Amino acid sequence: QVRLVESGGGLVQSGGSLRLSCAASGARLTINVLGWDRQAPGKDRELVARILMNGATHYADSVKGRFSISRNKLGNTVFLQMNDLKPEDTAVYYCYIRSGSGQDYWGQGTQVTVSS
């Protein structure tokens, strides 16, 4: 059973920063991709950032230059440093992994609220 445990969400003022963390675990789990998605009220879930095991990263245009994704050396924990937050960043943020067998998993989500 794959388990993703997120932390770090909360309420912050516009221009502030937050750091999200997500630890993945599971028997014989191998991970190819780590990342974050988000879903704002009334909107579809969207990709925020991805990081591959070789360190390559990908960001949504809306967060480029403000958000930074990273992982630990073991490759089972992913972080999202969010700077210069804007009200439009308000959403539930979901941790994401793609396993070595090609399965996609998401965490339970953590709320990020940015006040203007």
N, C-alpha and C. Protein backbone atom coordinates (compact mmCIF):
# COMPACT_ATOMS: atom_id res chain seq x y z
N GLN A 1 0.85 -1.19 0.00
CA GLN A 1 0.00 0.00 0.00
C GLN A 1 0.89 1.24 0.00
N VAL A 2 0.70 2.13 -0.99
CA VAL A 2 1.47 3.36 -1.07
C VAL A 2 0.82 4.42 -0.19
N ARG A 3 1.66 5.11 0.54
CA ARG A 3 1.16 6.16 1.43
C ARG A 3 1.92 7.44 1.15
N LEU A 4 1.18 8.54 0.98
CA LEU A 4 1.76 9.87 0.78
C LEU A 4 1.26 10.76 1.91
N VAL A 5 2.18 11.31 2.67
CA VAL A 5 1.82 12.16 3.81
C VAL A 5 2.35 13.56 3.56
N GLU A 6 1.41 14.50 3.43
CA GLU A 6 1.75 15.89 3.13
C GLU A 6 1.72 16.73 4.40
N SER A 7 2.49 17.81 4.37
CA SER A 7 2.46 18.78 5.46
C SER A 7 2.91 20.13 4.93
N GLY A 8 2.58 21.18 5.69
CA GLY A 8 3.11 22.50 5.37
C GLY A 8 2.12 23.50 4.83
N GLY A 9 0.89 23.11 4.59
CA GLY A 9 -0.09 24.08 4.11
C GLY A 9 -0.48 25.06 5.19
N GLY A 10 -1.29 26.05 4.81
CA GLY A 10 -1.74 27.02 5.80
C GLY A 10 -2.22 28.29 5.16
N LEU A 11 -2.34 29.32 6.01
CA LEU A 11 -2.81 30.64 5.59
C LEU A 11 -1.63 31.60 5.59
N VAL A 12 -1.48 32.34 4.49
CA VAL A 12 -0.39 33.29 4.38
C VAL A 12 -0.87 34.52 3.63
N GLN A 13 -0.26 35.65 3.89
CA GLN A 13 -0.62 36.87 3.19
C GLN A 13 0.02 36.90 1.81
N SER A 14 -0.57 37.65 0.92
CA SER A 14 -0.02 37.82 -0.43
C SER A 14 1.43 38.31 -0.33
N GLY A 15 2.30 37.68 -1.13
CA GLY A 15 3.72 37.99 -1.08
C GLY A 15 4.52 37.11 -0.13
N GLY A 16 3.82 36.32 0.66
CA GLY A 16 4.48 35.46 1.63
C GLY A 16 4.96 34.16 1.03
N SER A 17 5.49 33.29 1.90
CA SER A 17 6.07 32.03 1.47
C SER A 17 5.55 30.88 2.32
N LEU A 18 5.51 29.72 1.70
CA LEU A 18 5.19 28.47 2.40
C LEU A 18 6.05 27.37 1.79
N ARG A 19 6.29 26.33 2.59
CA ARG A 19 7.04 25.17 2.10
C ARG A 19 6.22 23.92 2.38
N LEU A 20 5.90 23.20 1.32
CA LEU A 20 5.16 21.95 1.45
C LEU A 20 6.13 20.77 1.42
N SER A 21 5.78 19.73 2.16
CA SER A 21 6.57 18.51 2.18
C SER A 21 5.65 17.32 1.98
N CYS A 22 6.20 16.26 1.40
CA CYS A 22 5.42 15.03 1.20
C CYS A 22 6.37 13.85 1.27
N ALA A 23 6.06 12.91 2.16
CA ALA A 23 6.86 11.70 2.29
C ALA A 23 6.08 10.52 1.74
N ALA A 24 6.72 9.78 0.84
CA ALA A 24 6.09 8.61 0.23
C ALA A 24 6.66 7.34 0.83
N SER A 25 5.80 6.37 1.06
CA SER A 25 6.26 5.08 1.59
C SER A 25 5.39 3.97 1.05
N GLY A 26 5.94 2.76 1.08
CA GLY A 26 5.21 1.60 0.60
C GLY A 26 6.16 0.45 0.37
N ALA A 27 5.68 -0.73 0.58
CA ALA A 27 6.52 -1.92 0.41
C ALA A 27 6.98 -2.02 -1.04
N ARG A 28 8.27 -2.17 -1.23
CA ARG A 28 8.88 -2.34 -2.56
C ARG A 28 8.54 -1.20 -3.51
N LEU A 29 8.30 -0.02 -2.95
CA LEU A 29 7.96 1.13 -3.79
C LEU A 29 9.20 1.70 -4.46
N THR A 30 9.13 1.86 -5.77
CA THR A 30 10.13 2.61 -6.51
C THR A 30 9.43 3.79 -7.16
N ILE A 31 10.13 4.91 -7.27
CA ILE A 31 9.53 6.14 -7.74
C ILE A 31 10.29 6.69 -8.92
N ASN A 32 9.58 7.04 -9.98
CA ASN A 32 10.20 7.66 -11.14
C ASN A 32 10.02 9.17 -11.17
N VAL A 33 8.86 9.62 -10.70
CA VAL A 33 8.54 11.05 -10.75
C VAL A 33 7.87 11.46 -9.45
N LEU A 34 8.24 12.63 -8.96
CA LEU A 34 7.59 13.25 -7.81
C LEU A 34 7.02 14.59 -8.25
N GLY A 35 5.98 15.04 -7.57
CA GLY A 35 5.45 16.33 -7.98
C GLY A 35 4.32 16.83 -7.11
N TRP A 36 3.75 17.93 -7.57
CA TRP A 36 2.61 18.56 -6.90
C TRP A 36 1.59 19.00 -7.94
N ASP A 37 0.33 18.78 -7.60
CA ASP A 37 -0.80 19.30 -8.36
C ASP A 37 -1.61 20.18 -7.42
N ARG A 38 -2.53 20.96 -7.96
CA ARG A 38 -3.42 21.74 -7.11
C ARG A 38 -4.80 21.85 -7.74
N GLN A 39 -5.77 22.09 -6.88
CA GLN A 39 -7.14 22.28 -7.36
C GLN A 39 -7.78 23.41 -6.58
N ALA A 40 -8.11 24.47 -7.32
CA ALA A 40 -8.80 25.61 -6.73
C ALA A 40 -10.30 25.38 -6.78
N PRO A 41 -11.06 26.07 -5.92
CA PRO A 41 -12.52 25.88 -5.92
C PRO A 41 -13.12 26.14 -7.29
N GLY A 42 -13.92 25.21 -7.77
CA GLY A 42 -14.60 25.38 -9.04
C GLY A 42 -13.74 25.18 -10.27
N LYS A 43 -12.49 24.74 -10.06
CA LYS A 43 -11.59 24.55 -11.20
C LYS A 43 -11.09 23.11 -11.25
N ASP A 44 -10.56 22.73 -12.40
CA ASP A 44 -9.97 21.41 -12.55
C ASP A 44 -8.63 21.34 -11.84
N ARG A 45 -8.25 20.11 -11.47
CA ARG A 45 -6.92 19.93 -10.90
C ARG A 45 -5.88 20.20 -11.98
N GLU A 46 -4.79 20.89 -11.59
CA GLU A 46 -3.76 21.23 -12.55
C GLU A 46 -2.38 20.87 -12.02
N LEU A 47 -1.48 20.58 -12.95
CA LEU A 47 -0.09 20.30 -12.60
C LEU A 47 0.58 21.57 -12.13
N VAL A 48 1.33 21.48 -11.06
CA VAL A 48 2.11 22.61 -10.56
C VAL A 48 3.59 22.41 -10.88
N ALA A 49 4.14 21.26 -10.49
CA ALA A 49 5.56 21.01 -10.71
C ALA A 49 5.85 19.52 -10.67
N ARG A 50 6.92 19.14 -11.38
CA ARG A 50 7.39 17.76 -11.38
C ARG A 50 8.91 17.76 -11.24
N ILE A 51 9.42 16.68 -10.63
CA ILE A 51 10.86 16.46 -10.58
C ILE A 51 11.13 14.99 -10.84
N LEU A 52 12.06 14.73 -11.76
CA LEU A 52 12.42 13.37 -12.10
C LEU A 52 13.56 12.89 -11.21
N MET A 53 13.83 11.59 -11.25
CA MET A 53 14.90 11.06 -10.43
C MET A 53 16.26 11.59 -10.87
N ASN A 54 16.40 12.05 -12.12
CA ASN A 54 17.67 12.62 -12.55
C ASN A 54 17.79 14.09 -12.19
N GLY A 55 16.78 14.62 -11.53
CA GLY A 55 16.81 16.00 -11.08
C GLY A 55 16.15 17.00 -12.02
N ALA A 56 15.76 16.57 -13.20
CA ALA A 56 15.09 17.48 -14.13
C ALA A 56 13.76 17.93 -13.55
N THR A 57 13.43 19.18 -13.77
CA THR A 57 12.21 19.76 -13.22
C THR A 57 11.34 20.36 -14.32
N HIS A 58 10.06 20.46 -13.98
CA HIS A 58 9.08 21.08 -14.89
C HIS A 58 8.09 21.84 -14.04
N TYR A 59 7.73 23.05 -14.51
CA TYR A 59 6.79 23.90 -13.77
C TYR A 59 5.66 24.39 -14.67
N ALA A 60 4.51 24.59 -14.07
CA ALA A 60 3.45 25.30 -14.76
C ALA A 60 3.89 26.74 -14.98
N ASP A 61 3.49 27.33 -16.09
CA ASP A 61 3.90 28.71 -16.39
C ASP A 61 3.51 29.66 -15.27
N SER A 62 2.38 29.41 -14.63
CA SER A 62 1.86 30.33 -13.62
C SER A 62 2.72 30.39 -12.36
N VAL A 63 3.61 29.41 -12.16
CA VAL A 63 4.42 29.40 -10.93
C VAL A 63 5.91 29.52 -11.20
N LYS A 64 6.31 29.55 -12.47
CA LYS A 64 7.73 29.64 -12.80
C LYS A 64 8.34 30.88 -12.18
N GLY A 65 9.53 30.70 -11.59
CA GLY A 65 10.21 31.82 -10.97
C GLY A 65 9.77 32.11 -9.55
N ARG A 66 8.68 31.49 -9.11
CA ARG A 66 8.19 31.71 -7.73
C ARG A 66 8.23 30.43 -6.90
N PHE A 67 8.00 29.31 -7.55
CA PHE A 67 7.97 28.01 -6.85
C PHE A 67 9.22 27.22 -7.22
N SER A 68 9.66 26.38 -6.28
CA SER A 68 10.82 25.53 -6.52
C SER A 68 10.56 24.14 -5.95
N ILE A 69 10.71 23.13 -6.79
CA ILE A 69 10.50 21.75 -6.35
C ILE A 69 11.84 21.08 -6.12
N SER A 70 11.92 20.26 -5.10
CA SER A 70 13.15 19.54 -4.80
C SER A 70 12.79 18.21 -4.13
N ARG A 71 13.78 17.36 -3.96
CA ARG A 71 13.54 16.07 -3.32
C ARG A 71 14.74 15.73 -2.45
N ASN A 72 14.55 14.76 -1.56
CA ASN A 72 15.67 14.33 -0.75
C ASN A 72 16.52 13.33 -1.53
N LYS A 73 17.67 12.94 -0.96
CA LYS A 73 18.59 12.08 -1.68
C LYS A 73 18.01 10.70 -1.93
N LEU A 74 17.18 10.23 -1.01
CA LEU A 74 16.56 8.91 -1.18
C LEU A 74 15.52 8.89 -2.27
N GLY A 75 15.00 10.08 -2.60
CA GLY A 75 13.98 10.16 -3.64
C GLY A 75 12.61 9.76 -3.18
N ASN A 76 12.36 9.80 -1.88
CA ASN A 76 11.03 9.44 -1.39
C ASN A 76 10.33 10.59 -0.68
N THR A 77 10.94 11.76 -0.70
CA THR A 77 10.32 12.94 -0.11
C THR A 77 10.47 14.09 -1.09
N VAL A 78 9.38 14.80 -1.29
CA VAL A 78 9.39 15.92 -2.23
C VAL A 78 8.96 17.18 -1.49
N PHE A 79 9.56 18.29 -1.89
CA PHE A 79 9.29 19.59 -1.27
C PHE A 79 8.84 20.58 -2.35
N LEU A 80 8.04 21.53 -1.92
CA LEU A 80 7.65 22.62 -2.81
C LEU A 80 7.81 23.92 -2.04
N GLN A 81 8.82 24.68 -2.40
CA GLN A 81 9.03 26.01 -1.82
C GLN A 81 8.24 27.01 -2.64
N MET A 82 7.31 27.68 -1.99
CA MET A 82 6.44 28.62 -2.69
C MET A 82 6.71 30.02 -2.17
N ASN A 83 7.21 30.88 -3.04
CA ASN A 83 7.53 32.26 -2.68
C ASN A 83 6.64 33.22 -3.45
N ASP A 84 6.54 34.43 -2.95
CA ASP A 84 5.74 35.47 -3.61
C ASP A 84 4.34 34.94 -3.92
N LEU A 85 3.72 34.36 -2.93
CA LEU A 85 2.40 33.76 -3.13
C LEU A 85 1.35 34.82 -3.46
N LYS A 86 0.41 34.42 -4.30
CA LYS A 86 -0.65 35.32 -4.75
C LYS A 86 -2.01 34.70 -4.39
N PRO A 87 -3.04 35.51 -4.28
CA PRO A 87 -4.37 34.96 -3.97
C PRO A 87 -4.80 33.86 -4.93
N GLU A 88 -4.38 33.96 -6.20
CA GLU A 88 -4.75 32.94 -7.18
C GLU A 88 -4.02 31.62 -6.97
N ASP A 89 -3.07 31.58 -6.06
CA ASP A 89 -2.42 30.31 -5.69
C ASP A 89 -3.24 29.53 -4.67
N THR A 90 -4.29 30.14 -4.16
CA THR A 90 -5.15 29.46 -3.19
C THR A 90 -5.75 28.21 -3.80
N ALA A 91 -5.53 27.07 -3.13
CA ALA A 91 -5.99 25.79 -3.67
C ALA A 91 -5.66 24.69 -2.66
N VAL A 92 -6.20 23.52 -2.93
CA VAL A 92 -5.72 22.33 -2.23
C VAL A 92 -4.57 21.76 -3.05
N TYR A 93 -3.44 21.56 -2.40
CA TYR A 93 -2.25 21.06 -3.07
C TYR A 93 -2.09 19.57 -2.78
N TYR A 94 -1.89 18.80 -3.86
CA TYR A 94 -1.79 17.35 -3.75
C TYR A 94 -0.38 16.90 -4.14
N CYS A 95 0.20 16.11 -3.29
CA CYS A 95 1.45 15.44 -3.61
C CYS A 95 1.18 14.37 -4.65
N TYR A 96 2.13 14.15 -5.55
CA TYR A 96 1.98 13.18 -6.64
C TYR A 96 3.25 12.36 -6.81
N ILE A 97 3.08 11.07 -7.09
CA ILE A 97 4.22 10.26 -7.52
C ILE A 97 3.79 9.35 -8.66
N ARG A 98 4.74 9.04 -9.52
CA ARG A 98 4.56 7.97 -10.50
C ARG A 98 5.56 6.89 -10.11
N SER A 99 5.06 5.70 -9.87
CA SER A 99 5.93 4.62 -9.42
C SER A 99 6.73 4.04 -10.58
N GLY A 100 7.68 3.20 -10.23
CA GLY A 100 8.48 2.53 -11.24
C GLY A 100 7.66 1.63 -12.15
N SER A 101 6.50 1.19 -11.68
CA SER A 101 5.61 0.34 -12.48
C SER A 101 4.60 1.16 -13.28
N GLY A 102 4.71 2.50 -13.19
CA GLY A 102 3.85 3.36 -13.99
C GLY A 102 2.54 3.76 -13.34
N GLN A 103 2.37 3.43 -12.07
CA GLN A 103 1.14 3.79 -11.36
C GLN A 103 1.25 5.21 -10.83
N ASP A 104 0.14 5.95 -10.90
CA ASP A 104 0.08 7.31 -10.37
C ASP A 104 -0.63 7.29 -9.02
N TYR A 105 -0.08 8.07 -8.07
CA TYR A 105 -0.67 8.18 -6.74
C TYR A 105 -0.71 9.65 -6.33
N TRP A 106 -1.75 9.99 -5.58
CA TRP A 106 -1.88 11.34 -5.02
C TRP A 106 -2.11 11.26 -3.52
N GLY A 107 -1.65 12.28 -2.80
CA GLY A 107 -1.91 12.37 -1.37
C GLY A 107 -3.31 12.89 -1.11
N GLN A 108 -3.59 13.10 0.16
CA GLN A 108 -4.94 13.52 0.56
C GLN A 108 -5.15 15.01 0.36
N GLY A 109 -4.10 15.75 0.16
CA GLY A 109 -4.21 17.18 -0.09
C GLY A 109 -3.98 18.03 1.14
N THR A 110 -3.41 19.20 0.92
CA THR A 110 -3.21 20.17 2.00
C THR A 110 -3.64 21.55 1.49
N GLN A 111 -4.38 22.26 2.33
CA GLN A 111 -4.95 23.54 1.91
C GLN A 111 -3.91 24.65 2.00
N VAL A 112 -3.83 25.43 0.94
CA VAL A 112 -3.02 26.65 0.93
C VAL A 112 -3.97 27.81 0.63
N THR A 113 -4.00 28.79 1.54
CA THR A 113 -4.86 29.95 1.36
C THR A 113 -4.00 31.20 1.41
N VAL A 114 -4.12 32.03 0.38
CA VAL A 114 -3.34 33.27 0.30
C VAL A 114 -4.32 34.43 0.36
N SER A 115 -4.19 35.25 1.38
CA SER A 115 -5.08 36.38 1.54
C SER A 115 -4.48 37.61 0.87
N SER A 116 -5.36 38.46 0.36
CA SER A 116 -4.89 39.68 -0.34
C SER A 116 -4.71 40.83 0.62
